[in-house]
Amino acid sequence: MGTKTVDETGVKTDERKTDERKTDEATEAAASTEAAEATEASEAAEKAGTDTPDDTDTPDDTDTPEDADVTGKTDGTDGTEAGPTGVGQGAGAVVSAGLGIVSLTGSWVGTVASARESLMGQLQTSSSSDVGTLIEKGYGNAWQATAMWGGIFALVALIVGVVVLARPAFGAPGRPQAPWIKSVAWAGVALGVIGLLLAVLKYTDVLLGLPATG
């Protein structure tokens, strides 16, 4: 009876040892599995952390629009420098309008010419001359001189205005003329036509002719 007791005790002891070994092995396996999972998770987090800067390296991409803008600006400035700026046309339009105004209001050249003709008429006549001759020499020639110089200014204003308006047809294609240049040039042409017409009418005594002496 004692022998059996020892055997059973030994067998039970061995079974307990094997169970404890299995439990230890399972625990170690679970611990190693958790450690492997934790290692993989940390490696994945490190990869994700190292990948995000690569993905966020967008400043290099965002620099390209600035380069494109700079290129576009330089191209635009080169184009404007190469093409006509329209400064000459604007100046010509202003000159045309100014000459047209002078042809209507008078100039110092016309005033001096009128006074000179009046002086020459007085020198060429005498107290014995008739009234018609005195009026013609003293006033008629002076008025005609004023009309002639007004007509000259009007003609120049007309020519300059027409040249400014016709300039785009002989310039760079695809570059329209500024609206204000056209407006001022047309004003110069109109004033030149009016001044030239009035000058011709006055010079031929159709407008404001000499008074009759008879």
Protein backbone atom coordinates (compact mmCIF):
# COMPACT_ATOMS: atom_id res chain seq x y z
CA MET A 1 0.00 0.00 0.00
CA GLY A 2 2.85 2.46 0.74
CA THR A 3 4.46 1.87 -2.62
CA LYS A 4 1.38 2.85 -4.49
CA THR A 5 1.10 5.98 -2.44
CA VAL A 6 4.60 7.01 -3.40
CA ASP A 7 4.01 6.22 -7.04
CA GLU A 8 0.81 8.14 -7.16
CA THR A 9 2.44 11.05 -5.43
CA GLY A 10 5.33 10.98 -7.85
CA VAL A 11 3.02 10.78 -10.82
CA LYS A 12 0.95 13.66 -9.53
CA THR A 13 4.09 15.65 -8.88
CA ASP A 14 5.30 15.03 -12.41
CA GLU A 15 1.94 16.05 -13.83
CA ARG A 16 2.04 19.29 -11.85
CA LYS A 17 5.54 20.00 -13.12
CA THR A 18 4.53 19.43 -16.72
CA ASP A 19 1.47 21.65 -16.23
CA GLU A 20 3.64 24.38 -14.75
CA ARG A 21 6.10 24.03 -17.63
CA LYS A 22 3.28 24.33 -20.16
CA THR A 23 1.93 27.35 -18.31
CA ASP A 24 5.38 28.94 -18.26
CA GLU A 25 5.86 28.22 -21.95
CA ALA A 26 2.46 29.68 -22.80
CA THR A 27 3.25 32.74 -20.71
CA GLU A 28 6.61 33.17 -22.40
CA ALA A 29 5.03 32.69 -25.81
CA ALA A 30 2.37 35.30 -25.01
CA ALA A 31 5.02 37.68 -23.68
CA SER A 32 7.18 37.20 -26.76
CA THR A 33 4.13 37.73 -28.98
CA GLU A 34 3.24 40.94 -27.16
CA ALA A 35 6.82 42.11 -27.35
CA ALA A 36 6.92 41.40 -31.08
CA GLU A 37 3.63 43.24 -31.59
CA ALA A 38 4.90 46.18 -29.54
CA THR A 39 8.13 46.21 -31.57
CA GLU A 40 6.21 46.13 -34.85
CA ALA A 41 3.90 48.91 -33.61
CA SER A 42 6.86 51.07 -32.61
CA GLU A 43 8.57 50.41 -35.95
CA ALA A 44 5.37 51.29 -37.79
CA ALA A 45 5.04 54.49 -35.75
CA GLU A 46 8.65 55.38 -36.50
CA LYS A 47 8.11 54.72 -40.20
CA ALA A 48 4.96 56.81 -40.16
CA GLY A 49 6.81 59.59 -38.34
CA THR A 50 9.69 59.50 -40.79
CA ASP A 51 7.40 59.32 -43.83
CA THR A 52 5.32 62.35 -42.94
CA PRO A 53 8.18 64.87 -43.45
CA ASP A 54 8.76 63.34 -46.88
CA ASP A 55 5.09 63.79 -47.70
CA THR A 56 5.04 67.29 -46.27
CA ASP A 57 8.05 68.42 -48.26
CA THR A 58 5.72 70.61 -50.29
CA PRO A 59 7.81 73.82 -50.05
CA ASP A 60 9.80 72.58 -53.02
CA ASP A 61 6.56 72.25 -54.95
CA THR A 62 5.26 75.57 -53.71
CA ASP A 63 8.42 77.31 -54.86
CA THR A 64 7.64 76.50 -58.48
CA PRO A 65 4.70 78.96 -58.75
CA GLU A 66 6.98 81.76 -57.54
CA ASP A 67 9.52 80.79 -60.15
CA ALA A 68 6.75 80.69 -62.73
CA ASP A 69 5.52 84.12 -61.64
CA VAL A 70 9.01 85.53 -61.82
CA THR A 71 9.45 84.04 -65.27
CA GLY A 72 6.13 85.41 -66.39
CA LYS A 73 6.99 88.87 -65.07
CA THR A 74 10.34 88.92 -66.76
CA ASP A 75 8.76 87.76 -69.98
CA GLY A 76 6.14 90.52 -69.74
CA THR A 77 8.70 93.20 -69.07
CA ASP A 78 10.82 92.01 -71.95
CA GLY A 79 7.77 92.22 -74.20
CA THR A 80 6.93 95.74 -73.11
CA GLU A 81 10.49 96.91 -73.52
CA ALA A 82 10.69 95.43 -76.99
CA GLY A 83 7.39 96.88 -78.20
CA PRO A 84 6.36 100.53 -78.62
CA THR A 85 5.24 102.29 -75.47
CA GLY A 86 2.94 104.85 -77.11
CA VAL A 87 4.68 107.85 -75.52
CA GLY A 88 5.43 109.43 -78.87
CA GLN A 89 1.86 108.97 -80.07
CA GLY A 90 0.49 110.56 -76.90
CA ALA A 91 2.85 113.52 -77.25
CA GLY A 92 1.87 113.95 -80.90
CA ALA A 93 -1.82 113.94 -80.00
CA VAL A 94 -1.31 116.62 -77.34
CA VAL A 95 0.74 118.74 -79.77
CA SER A 96 -1.98 118.44 -82.41
CA ALA A 97 -4.68 119.60 -79.99
CA GLY A 98 -2.49 122.45 -78.74
CA LEU A 99 -1.75 123.71 -82.25
CA GLY A 100 -5.45 123.54 -83.08
CA ILE A 101 -6.27 125.76 -80.10
CA VAL A 102 -3.52 128.21 -81.07
CA SER A 103 -4.88 128.45 -84.61
CA LEU A 104 -8.23 129.62 -83.22
CA THR A 105 -7.05 131.91 -80.41
CA GLY A 106 -3.98 133.37 -82.11
CA SER A 107 -0.27 133.31 -81.39
CA TRP A 108 2.50 135.82 -80.79
CA VAL A 109 3.81 135.06 -84.28
CA GLY A 110 0.51 136.15 -85.80
CA THR A 111 0.40 139.22 -83.58
CA VAL A 112 3.90 140.31 -84.61
CA ALA A 113 3.15 139.65 -88.29
CA SER A 114 -0.05 141.70 -88.08
CA ALA A 115 1.73 144.64 -86.42
CA ARG A 116 4.51 144.50 -89.00
CA GLU A 117 2.08 144.62 -91.91
CA SER A 118 0.26 147.53 -90.29
CA LEU A 119 3.53 149.43 -89.87
CA MET A 120 4.56 148.76 -93.46
CA GLY A 121 1.16 149.97 -94.67
CA GLN A 122 1.58 153.23 -92.79
CA LEU A 123 5.02 153.74 -94.33
CA GLN A 124 3.74 153.04 -97.83
CA THR A 125 0.85 155.47 -97.61
CA SER A 126 0.74 159.18 -97.12
CA SER A 127 -1.78 161.69 -95.97
CA SER A 128 -2.83 162.29 -99.54
CA SER A 129 -3.86 158.63 -100.10
CA ASP A 130 -7.52 157.85 -100.32
CA VAL A 131 -9.44 156.14 -97.52
CA GLY A 132 -9.64 152.79 -99.32
CA THR A 133 -5.90 152.56 -99.67
CA LEU A 134 -5.33 153.53 -96.06
CA ILE A 135 -7.75 150.87 -94.81
CA GLU A 136 -6.30 148.19 -97.06
CA LYS A 137 -2.67 148.96 -96.24
CA GLY A 138 -3.19 149.69 -92.57
CA TYR A 139 -5.70 146.99 -91.63
CA GLY A 140 -6.45 144.62 -94.50
CA ASN A 141 -2.90 143.32 -94.89
CA ALA A 142 -2.51 142.98 -91.12
CA TRP A 143 -5.69 140.92 -90.82
CA GLN A 144 -4.62 138.71 -93.71
CA ALA A 145 -1.26 138.12 -92.02
CA THR A 146 -3.04 137.03 -88.85
CA ALA A 147 -5.32 134.72 -90.83
CA MET A 148 -2.35 133.25 -92.72
CA TRP A 149 -0.44 132.33 -89.58
CA GLY A 150 -3.59 130.92 -87.99
CA GLY A 151 -4.09 128.78 -91.09
CA ILE A 152 -0.48 127.55 -90.88
CA PHE A 153 -0.94 126.44 -87.26
CA ALA A 154 -4.25 124.80 -88.15
CA LEU A 155 -2.68 122.90 -91.06
CA VAL A 156 0.17 121.62 -88.90
CA ALA A 157 -2.31 120.52 -86.21
CA LEU A 158 -4.33 118.67 -88.84
CA ILE A 159 -1.27 116.88 -90.25
CA VAL A 160 0.07 115.86 -86.83
CA GLY A 161 -3.35 114.54 -85.73
CA VAL A 162 -3.75 112.47 -88.89
CA VAL A 163 -0.25 111.01 -88.49
CA VAL A 164 -0.97 110.01 -84.88
CA LEU A 165 -4.24 108.32 -85.87
CA ALA A 166 -2.60 106.47 -88.77
CA ARG A 167 0.48 105.40 -86.77
CA PRO A 168 -0.92 102.05 -85.46
CA ALA A 169 -1.41 100.84 -89.02
CA PHE A 170 2.38 101.03 -89.56
CA GLY A 171 3.41 99.85 -86.10
CA ALA A 172 3.49 96.49 -84.31
CA PRO A 173 0.38 94.40 -85.04
CA GLY A 174 -1.85 93.40 -82.15
CA ARG A 175 -1.05 96.49 -80.04
CA PRO A 176 -4.12 98.76 -80.03
CA GLN A 177 -3.79 102.48 -79.53
CA ALA A 178 -4.79 103.89 -76.16
CA PRO A 179 -8.30 105.43 -76.16
CA TRP A 180 -7.13 108.75 -74.73
CA ILE A 181 -4.57 109.13 -77.52
CA LYS A 182 -7.29 108.64 -80.12
CA SER A 183 -9.57 111.14 -78.38
CA VAL A 184 -6.90 113.85 -78.14
CA ALA A 185 -5.74 113.25 -81.72
CA TRP A 186 -9.30 113.50 -83.04
CA ALA A 187 -9.72 116.73 -81.07
CA GLY A 188 -6.57 118.11 -82.72
CA VAL A 189 -7.83 117.11 -86.17
CA ALA A 190 -11.21 118.75 -85.55
CA LEU A 191 -9.65 121.96 -84.26
CA GLY A 192 -7.24 122.00 -87.18
CA VAL A 193 -10.06 121.68 -89.71
CA ILE A 194 -12.07 124.45 -88.05
CA GLY A 195 -9.04 126.76 -87.77
CA LEU A 196 -8.01 126.14 -91.38
CA LEU A 197 -11.52 126.84 -92.64
CA LEU A 198 -11.79 130.10 -90.67
CA ALA A 199 -8.32 131.19 -91.83
CA VAL A 200 -9.22 130.66 -95.49
CA LEU A 201 -12.51 132.52 -95.09
CA LYS A 202 -10.79 135.48 -93.40
CA TYR A 203 -7.86 135.62 -95.82
CA THR A 204 -10.25 135.79 -98.80
CA ASP A 205 -12.39 138.45 -97.05
CA VAL A 206 -15.44 136.16 -97.12
CA LEU A 207 -15.58 136.33 -93.32
CA LEU A 208 -15.13 139.74 -91.63
CA GLY A 209 -14.03 141.48 -94.78
CA LEU A 210 -12.90 145.12 -95.08
CA PRO A 211 -15.61 147.74 -94.74
CA ALA A 212 -16.74 149.49 -97.90
CA THR A 213 -15.38 153.02 -98.34
CA GLY A 214 -17.64 154.26 -101.10
